[in-house]
C-alpha atoms as a PDB file:
ATOM      1  CA  MET A   1      92.971 103.654 107.438  1.00  0.00           C
ATOM      2  CA  ALA A   2      90.709 103.454 105.128  1.00  0.00           C
ATOM      3  CA  TRP A   3      93.259 102.922 101.978  1.00  0.00           C
ATOM      4  CA  LEU A   4      93.838  99.986 104.616  1.00  0.00           C
ATOM      5  CA  ALA A   5      90.067  98.574 105.297  1.00  0.00           C
ATOM      6  CA  ALA A   6      89.666  98.970 101.519  1.00  0.00           C
ATOM      7  CA  LEU A   7      93.492  96.790 100.583  1.00  0.00           C
ATOM      8  CA  ALA A   8      92.449  94.087 103.662  1.00  0.00           C
ATOM      9  CA  CYS A   9      88.822  93.326 102.448  1.00  0.00           C
ATOM     10  CA  LEU A  10      90.050  92.343  98.717  1.00  0.00           C
ATOM     11  CA  VAL A  11      93.376  90.214 100.340  1.00  0.00           C
ATOM     12  CA  VAL A  12      90.407  89.066 102.776  1.00  0.00           C
ATOM     13  CA  THR A  13      88.215  87.356 100.317  1.00  0.00           C
ATOM     14  CA  ALA A  14      90.628  86.239  97.905  1.00  0.00           C
ATOM     15  CA  ALA A  15      92.384  84.362 100.901  1.00  0.00           C
ATOM     16  CA  GLY A  16      88.110  82.733 100.839  1.00  0.00           C
ATOM     17  CA  ILE A  17      88.347  82.061  97.382  1.00  0.00           C
ATOM     18  CA  TRP A  18      91.454  81.073  96.566  1.00  0.00           C
ATOM     19  CA  GLY A  19      92.442  79.188 100.101  1.00  0.00           C
ATOM     20  CA  HIS A  20      92.541  76.225 100.851  1.00  0.00           C
ATOM     21  CA  ASP A  21      94.056  74.929 103.563  1.00  0.00           C
ATOM     22  CA  GLN A  22      92.010  75.086 106.541  1.00  0.00           C
ATOM     23  CA  THR A  23      94.732  73.697 108.690  1.00  0.00           C
ATOM     24  CA  ALA A  24      96.613  76.978 109.060  1.00  0.00           C
ATOM     25  CA  GLY A  25      96.194  78.832 112.288  1.00  0.00           C
ATOM     26  CA  VAL A  26      93.734  81.578 111.112  1.00  0.00           C
ATOM     27  CA  ALA A  27      92.053  81.192 107.194  1.00  0.00           C
ATOM     28  CA  ALA A  28      89.680  82.911 105.571  1.00  0.00           C
ATOM     29  CA  VAL A  29      86.823  80.700 104.675  1.00  0.00           C
ATOM     30  CA  LEU A  30      83.950  80.857 101.493  1.00  0.00           C
ATOM     31  CA  SER A  31      80.582  80.504 103.019  1.00  0.00           C
ATOM     32  CA  THR A  32      79.048  78.827  99.564  1.00  0.00           C
ATOM     33  CA  ASP A  33      75.680  78.638 101.330  1.00  0.00           C
ATOM     34  CA  GLY A  34      74.701  76.356  98.850  1.00  0.00           C
ATOM     35  CA  LEU A  35      75.457  77.052  95.653  1.00  0.00           C
ATOM     36  CA  PRO A  36      78.269  76.051  93.580  1.00  0.00           C
ATOM     37  CA  ARG A  37      81.709  77.119  94.950  1.00  0.00           C
ATOM     38  CA  GLY A  38      82.774  79.069  91.338  1.00  0.00           C
ATOM     39  CA  TRP A  39      79.549  80.684  91.711  1.00  0.00           C
ATOM     40  CA  ALA A  40      79.775  82.101  95.901  1.00  0.00           C
ATOM     41  CA  ALA A  41      83.063  82.966  94.861  1.00  0.00           C
ATOM     42  CA  VAL A  42      82.332  85.628  91.195  1.00  0.00           C
ATOM     43  CA  MET A  43      79.817  86.501  94.324  1.00  0.00           C
ATOM     44  CA  ALA A  44      82.089  86.848  96.577  1.00  0.00           C
ATOM     45  CA  ALA A  45      84.759  89.199  94.435  1.00  0.00           C
ATOM     46  CA  VAL A  46      82.028  91.503  92.904  1.00  0.00           C
ATOM     47  CA  LEU A  47      80.806  92.035  96.664  1.00  0.00           C
ATOM     48  CA  ALA A  48      84.324  92.659  97.526  1.00  0.00           C
ATOM     49  CA  LEU A  49      85.005  95.183  94.539  1.00  0.00           C
ATOM     50  CA  VAL A  50      82.263  97.181  95.421  1.00  0.00           C
ATOM     51  CA  THR A  51      82.747  97.421  99.045  1.00  0.00           C
ATOM     52  CA  CYS A  52      86.182  98.561  97.993  1.00  0.00           C
ATOM     53  CA  ALA A  53      85.658 101.005  95.528  1.00  0.00           C
ATOM     54  CA  ALA A  54      82.823 102.583  98.791  1.00  0.00           C
ATOM     55  CA  LEU A  55      86.100 102.062 101.557  1.00  0.00           C
ATOM     56  CA  VAL A  56      88.290 103.977  98.768  1.00  0.00           C
ATOM     57  CA  GLU A  57      85.212 106.703  98.712  1.00  0.00           C
ATOM     58  CA  LEU A  58      85.189 107.401 101.888  1.00  0.00           C
ATOM     59  CA  ALA A  59      89.369 107.596 102.167  1.00  0.00           C
ATOM     60  CA  ARG A  60      88.748 110.162  99.310  1.00  0.00           C
ATOM     61  CA  MET A  61      86.045 112.482 101.289  1.00  0.00           C
ATOM     62  CA  LEU A  62      88.283 111.508 104.305  1.00  0.00           C
ATOM     63  CA  GLY A  63      91.565 113.500 102.811  1.00  0.00           C
ATOM     64  CA  ARG A  64      89.353 116.578 101.470  1.00  0.00           C
ATOM     65  CA  ILE A  65      88.487 117.341 104.945  1.00  0.00           C
ATOM     66  CA  HIS A  66      90.374 120.708 105.870  1.00  0.00           C
ATOM     67  CA  PRO A  67      89.541 122.370 108.923  1.00  0.00           C
ATOM     68  CA  ASP A  68      89.056 126.359 107.005  1.00  0.00           C
ATOM     69  CA  ALA A  69      86.017 123.809 104.843  1.00  0.00           C
ATOM     70  CA  LEU A  70      84.242 120.637 106.573  1.00  0.00           C
ATOM     71  CA  PHE A  71      81.559 120.695 104.059  1.00  0.00           C
ATOM     72  CA  SER A  72      83.530 121.310 100.709  1.00  0.00           C
ATOM     73  CA  SER A  73      81.069 119.812  97.961  1.00  0.00           C
ATOM     74  CA  SER A  74      83.805 117.419  97.094  1.00  0.00           C
ATOM     75  CA  VAL A  75      83.907 116.300 100.362  1.00  0.00           C
ATOM     76  CA  THR A  76      80.077 115.284 100.893  1.00  0.00           C
ATOM     77  CA  ARG A  77      79.576 113.784  96.898  1.00  0.00           C
ATOM     78  CA  HIS A  78      82.333 111.497  97.914  1.00  0.00           C
ATOM     79  CA  PHE A  79      80.668 110.387 100.958  1.00  0.00           C
ATOM     80  CA  ARG A  80      77.108 110.077  98.771  1.00  0.00           C
ATOM     81  CA  ARG A  81      78.762 107.895  96.732  1.00  0.00           C
ATOM     82  CA  PHE A  82      80.697 106.046  99.444  1.00  0.00           C
ATOM     83  CA  ALA A  83      77.054 105.285 100.904  1.00  0.00           C
ATOM     84  CA  SER A  84      75.936 104.485  97.486  1.00  0.00           C
ATOM     85  CA  LEU A  85      78.684 101.495  97.138  1.00  0.00           C
ATOM     86  CA  LEU A  86      77.626 100.245  99.897  1.00  0.00           C
ATOM     87  CA  MET A  87      73.756 100.215  99.078  1.00  0.00           C
ATOM     88  CA  VAL A  88      74.599  98.907  96.303  1.00  0.00           C
ATOM     89  CA  ALA A  89      76.918  95.787  98.015  1.00  0.00           C
ATOM     90  CA  ALA A  90      73.667  95.298 100.267  1.00  0.00           C
ATOM     91  CA  VAL A  91      71.035  94.660  97.860  1.00  0.00           C
ATOM     92  CA  LEU A  92      73.436  93.486  95.415  1.00  0.00           C
ATOM     93  CA  ARG A  93      74.809  90.650  99.088  1.00  0.00           C
ATOM     94  CA  ILE A  94      70.668  90.589  98.990  1.00  0.00           C
ATOM     95  CA  LEU A  95      69.487  89.782  96.134  1.00  0.00           C
ATOM     96  CA  LEU A  96      73.113  87.693  94.249  1.00  0.00           C
ATOM     97  CA  PRO A  97      72.502  84.550  95.625  1.00  0.00           C
ATOM     98  CA  ALA A  98      68.671  84.891  94.717  1.00  0.00           C
ATOM     99  CA  ALA A  99      68.884  85.654  91.243  1.00  0.00           C
ATOM    100  CA  ALA A 100      70.978  82.393  91.061  1.00  0.00           C
ATOM    101  CA  SER A 101      68.975  80.106  93.181  1.00  0.00           C
ATOM    102  CA  LEU A 102      66.701  80.745  91.159  1.00  0.00           C
ATOM    103  CA  TRP A 103      69.039  80.656  87.699  1.00  0.00           C
ATOM    104  CA  LEU A 104      70.222  77.099  89.493  1.00  0.00           C
ATOM    105  CA  ALA A 105      66.275  75.295  89.493  1.00  0.00           C
ATOM    106  CA  MET A 106      65.285  76.987  85.993  1.00  0.00           C
ATOM    107  CA  GLN A 107      68.501  75.208  84.694  1.00  0.00           C
ATOM    108  CA  SER A 108      67.334  71.997  86.279  1.00  0.00           C
ATOM    109  CA  GLY A 109      64.430  72.147  85.755  1.00  0.00           C
ATOM    110  CA  ALA A 110      63.286  72.178  89.188  1.00  0.00           C
ATOM    111  CA  HIS A 111      59.886  73.685  89.019  1.00  0.00           C
ATOM    112  CA  ALA A 112      60.202  74.752  92.618  1.00  0.00           C
ATOM    113  CA  ALA A 113      63.291  76.837  94.323  1.00  0.00           C
ATOM    114  CA  HIS A 114      64.126  77.382  97.538  1.00  0.00           C
ATOM    115  CA  VAL A 115      65.316  80.878  98.262  1.00  0.00           C
ATOM    116  CA  GLU A 116      65.612  82.588 102.240  1.00  0.00           C
ATOM    117  CA  PHE A 117      66.663  85.832 102.983  1.00  0.00           C
ATOM    118  CA  SER A 118      68.917  86.356 106.194  1.00  0.00           C
ATOM    119  CA  GLY A 119      67.259  89.003 108.918  1.00  0.00           C
ATOM    120  CA  ASP A 120      70.572  89.990 109.376  1.00  0.00           C
ATOM    121  CA  ASP A 121      71.759  90.941 105.603  1.00  0.00           C
ATOM    122  CA  LEU A 122      68.176  92.690 105.645  1.00  0.00           C
ATOM    123  CA  LEU A 123      69.780  94.878 108.952  1.00  0.00           C
ATOM    124  CA  SER A 124      72.298  95.844 106.714  1.00  0.00           C
ATOM    125  CA  LEU A 125      70.249  98.046 105.145  1.00  0.00           C
ATOM    126  CA  LEU A 126      69.707 100.013 107.712  1.00  0.00           C
ATOM    127  CA  PRO A 127      72.997 101.933 108.638  1.00  0.00           C
ATOM    128  CA  VAL A 128      73.058 102.784 104.503  1.00  0.00           C
ATOM    129  CA  ALA A 129      70.111 104.387 104.854  1.00  0.00           C
ATOM    130  CA  VAL A 130      71.571 106.580 107.781  1.00  0.00           C
ATOM    131  CA  PHE A 131      74.493 107.296 105.917  1.00  0.00           C
ATOM    132  CA  PHE A 132      72.026 108.371 103.429  1.00  0.00           C
ATOM    133  CA  PHE A 133      70.503 110.955 105.737  1.00  0.00           C
ATOM    134  CA  VAL A 134      73.821 111.937 107.111  1.00  0.00           C
ATOM    135  CA  ALA A 135      75.014 112.981 103.686  1.00  0.00           C
ATOM    136  CA  ARG A 136      72.145 114.838 102.845  1.00  0.00           C
ATOM    137  CA  LEU A 137      72.760 116.399 106.443  1.00  0.00           C
ATOM    138  CA  LEU A 138      76.142 117.529 104.988  1.00  0.00           C
ATOM    139  CA  ASP A 139      74.482 118.579 101.513  1.00  0.00           C
ATOM    140  CA  ALA A 140      72.561 121.207 104.523  1.00  0.00           C
ATOM    141  CA  ALA A 141      75.516 122.261 106.004  1.00  0.00           C
ATOM    142  CA  ALA A 142      77.698 123.050 103.214  1.00  0.00           C
ATOM    143  CA  ARG A 143      75.190 125.095 102.280  1.00  0.00           C
ATOM    144  CA  PHE A 144      75.229 126.834 105.578  1.00  0.00           C
ATOM    145  CA  GLU A 145      78.479 127.499 104.566  1.00  0.00           C
ATOM    146  CA  ASP A 146      78.475 128.887 101.844  1.00  0.00           C
ATOM    147  CA  ASP A 147      75.799 130.432 102.791  1.00  0.00           C
ATOM    148  CA  GLN A 148      78.265 132.092 105.821  1.00  0.00           C
ATOM    149  CA  ARG A 149      80.662 132.860 103.985  1.00  0.00           C
ATOM    150  CA  SER A 150      79.245 135.179 101.638  1.00  0.00           C
ATOM    151  CA  ILE A 151      77.668 136.627 104.142  1.00  0.00           C
ATOM    152  CA  VAL A 152      80.698 138.317 105.482  1.00  0.00           C
END
């Protein structure tokens, strides 16, 4: 299922970047937030690739879960990568538009730039922090599972 989500992420992003038919019943629309369309498309592509990589790590983690080894080191390693990639995507979602706005202002010779941060973007960091906490709990569970097996 995570593999399908990764593929869907890429397809929808590509449709938003290259799709121009707004008359269709269902359409993906690229929101530029005032940036040039090319810049917004590159940012959307970067975010989609990082998010896809995170979903692939989640799929790899889920594929390694077995009844006899629920908390193996490979499971926790892939979950940690999943959380890390989601954090990178969340931070990039905040920083890339701001950096692009500042760069465009500097190139145009403006002495001021308008940079806006959405509360939704900042709030997206909260679940990622929870994923890091869960990854640490999984690491502890893996250690306990290994200790239990070594005792028996």
